[in-house]
């Protein structure tokens, strides 16, 4: 599996870029570049780009480490 696909897979599991970098043993900047690639080709998006945040639904397992979810009032 390529690093690009590994980053995409880990992000779909809900890991933040810092955790992906640690798990894959690469620099955080490399993870950021890979994520930017996936956003540009339409395979991923950002919470900011959606303009929605995490307020309208119950969280799924993949959202466990989402910084937006963690800052949400309980």
C-alpha atoms as a PDB file:
ATOM      1  CA  UNK A   1       0.000   0.000   0.000  1.00  0.00           C
ATOM      2  CA  UNK A   2       1.312   3.452  -0.847  1.00  0.00           C
ATOM      3  CA  UNK A   3       1.799   6.136   1.774  1.00  0.00           C
ATOM      4  CA  UNK A   4      -0.953   8.188   0.124  1.00  0.00           C
ATOM      5  CA  UNK A   5      -3.450   5.366   0.570  1.00  0.00           C
ATOM      6  CA  UNK A   6      -2.236   4.605   4.089  1.00  0.00           C
ATOM      7  CA  UNK A   7      -2.853   8.230   5.106  1.00  0.00           C
ATOM      8  CA  UNK A   8      -6.334   8.139   3.571  1.00  0.00           C
ATOM      9  CA  UNK A   9      -7.165   4.875   5.345  1.00  0.00           C
ATOM     10  CA  UNK A  10      -5.969   6.170   8.714  1.00  0.00           C
ATOM     11  CA  UNK A  11      -7.893   9.425   8.309  1.00  0.00           C
ATOM     12  CA  UNK A  12     -11.050   7.453   7.535  1.00  0.00           C
ATOM     13  CA  UNK A  13     -10.522   5.633  10.833  1.00  0.00           C
ATOM     14  CA  UNK A  14     -10.759   9.025  12.524  1.00  0.00           C
ATOM     15  CA  UNK A  15      -7.107   9.660  13.307  1.00  0.00           C
ATOM     16  CA  UNK A  16      -5.842  13.234  13.335  1.00  0.00           C
ATOM     17  CA  UNK A  17      -2.787  14.145  11.235  1.00  0.00           C
ATOM     18  CA  UNK A  18      -0.443  14.039  14.248  1.00  0.00           C
ATOM     19  CA  UNK A  19      -1.604  10.517  15.137  1.00  0.00           C
ATOM     20  CA  UNK A  20      -1.340   9.374  11.515  1.00  0.00           C
ATOM     21  CA  UNK A  21       2.239  10.647  11.320  1.00  0.00           C
ATOM     22  CA  UNK A  22       3.174   8.845  14.517  1.00  0.00           C
ATOM     23  CA  UNK A  23       1.461   5.618  13.479  1.00  0.00           C
ATOM     24  CA  UNK A  24       3.071   5.598  10.016  1.00  0.00           C
ATOM     25  CA  UNK A  25       6.461   6.890  11.191  1.00  0.00           C
ATOM     26  CA  UNK A  26       6.530   9.939   8.912  1.00  0.00           C
ATOM     27  CA  UNK A  27       6.639  13.712   9.362  1.00  0.00           C
ATOM     28  CA  UNK A  28       3.370  15.502  10.043  1.00  0.00           C
ATOM     29  CA  UNK A  29       4.049  17.753   7.033  1.00  0.00           C
ATOM     30  CA  UNK A  30       4.110  14.696   4.775  1.00  0.00           C
ATOM     31  CA  UNK A  31       0.755  13.595   6.176  1.00  0.00           C
ATOM     32  CA  UNK A  32      -0.619  17.109   5.590  1.00  0.00           C
ATOM     33  CA  UNK A  33       0.591  17.000   1.972  1.00  0.00           C
ATOM     34  CA  UNK A  34      -1.070  13.608   1.457  1.00  0.00           C
ATOM     35  CA  UNK A  35      -4.337  14.857   2.957  1.00  0.00           C
ATOM     36  CA  UNK A  36      -4.183  17.982   0.775  1.00  0.00           C
ATOM     37  CA  UNK A  37      -3.822  15.687  -2.242  1.00  0.00           C
ATOM     38  CA  UNK A  38      -6.928  13.682  -1.268  1.00  0.00           C
ATOM     39  CA  UNK A  39      -8.926  16.880  -0.735  1.00  0.00           C
ATOM     40  CA  UNK A  40      -7.855  18.211  -4.165  1.00  0.00           C
ATOM     41  CA  UNK A  41      -8.899  15.017  -5.968  1.00  0.00           C
ATOM     42  CA  UNK A  42     -12.226  14.843  -4.140  1.00  0.00           C
ATOM     43  CA  UNK A  43     -11.588  11.744  -2.011  1.00  0.00           C
ATOM     44  CA  UNK A  44     -11.626  13.671   1.263  1.00  0.00           C
ATOM     45  CA  UNK A  45     -12.936  16.921   2.602  1.00  0.00           C
ATOM     46  CA  UNK A  46     -12.438  19.027   5.684  1.00  0.00           C
ATOM     47  CA  UNK A  47     -14.955  20.007   8.317  1.00  0.00           C
ATOM     48  CA  UNK A  48     -14.168  23.629   7.513  1.00  0.00           C
ATOM     49  CA  UNK A  49     -14.872  23.090   3.805  1.00  0.00           C
ATOM     50  CA  UNK A  50     -18.239  21.558   4.617  1.00  0.00           C
ATOM     51  CA  UNK A  51     -19.144  24.459   6.864  1.00  0.00           C
ATOM     52  CA  UNK A  52     -21.094  22.078   9.082  1.00  0.00           C
ATOM     53  CA  UNK A  53     -19.000  20.980  12.023  1.00  0.00           C
ATOM     54  CA  UNK A  54     -20.304  18.180  14.197  1.00  0.00           C
ATOM     55  CA  UNK A  55     -23.552  19.388  15.673  1.00  0.00           C
ATOM     56  CA  UNK A  56     -26.428  17.622  13.967  1.00  0.00           C
ATOM     57  CA  UNK A  57     -25.898  13.915  14.492  1.00  0.00           C
ATOM     58  CA  UNK A  58     -24.646  11.325  16.925  1.00  0.00           C
ATOM     59  CA  UNK A  59     -20.918  10.660  16.484  1.00  0.00           C
ATOM     60  CA  UNK A  60     -19.738   7.483  14.818  1.00  0.00           C
ATOM     61  CA  UNK A  61     -16.640   5.543  15.865  1.00  0.00           C
ATOM     62  CA  UNK A  62     -14.523   7.252  13.191  1.00  0.00           C
ATOM     63  CA  UNK A  63     -15.238  10.631  14.797  1.00  0.00           C
ATOM     64  CA  UNK A  64     -13.728   9.660  18.160  1.00  0.00           C
ATOM     65  CA  UNK A  65     -10.572  11.742  17.724  1.00  0.00           C
ATOM     66  CA  UNK A  66     -12.120  14.636  15.782  1.00  0.00           C
ATOM     67  CA  UNK A  67     -11.067  17.952  17.363  1.00  0.00           C
ATOM     68  CA  UNK A  68     -14.456  19.457  16.444  1.00  0.00           C
ATOM     69  CA  UNK A  69     -16.267  16.674  18.284  1.00  0.00           C
ATOM     70  CA  UNK A  70     -13.988  17.004  21.301  1.00  0.00           C
ATOM     71  CA  UNK A  71     -14.752  20.717  21.595  1.00  0.00           C
ATOM     72  CA  UNK A  72     -18.497  20.136  21.320  1.00  0.00           C
ATOM     73  CA  UNK A  73     -20.500  20.822  24.501  1.00  0.00           C
ATOM     74  CA  UNK A  74     -21.809  17.694  26.225  1.00  0.00           C
END
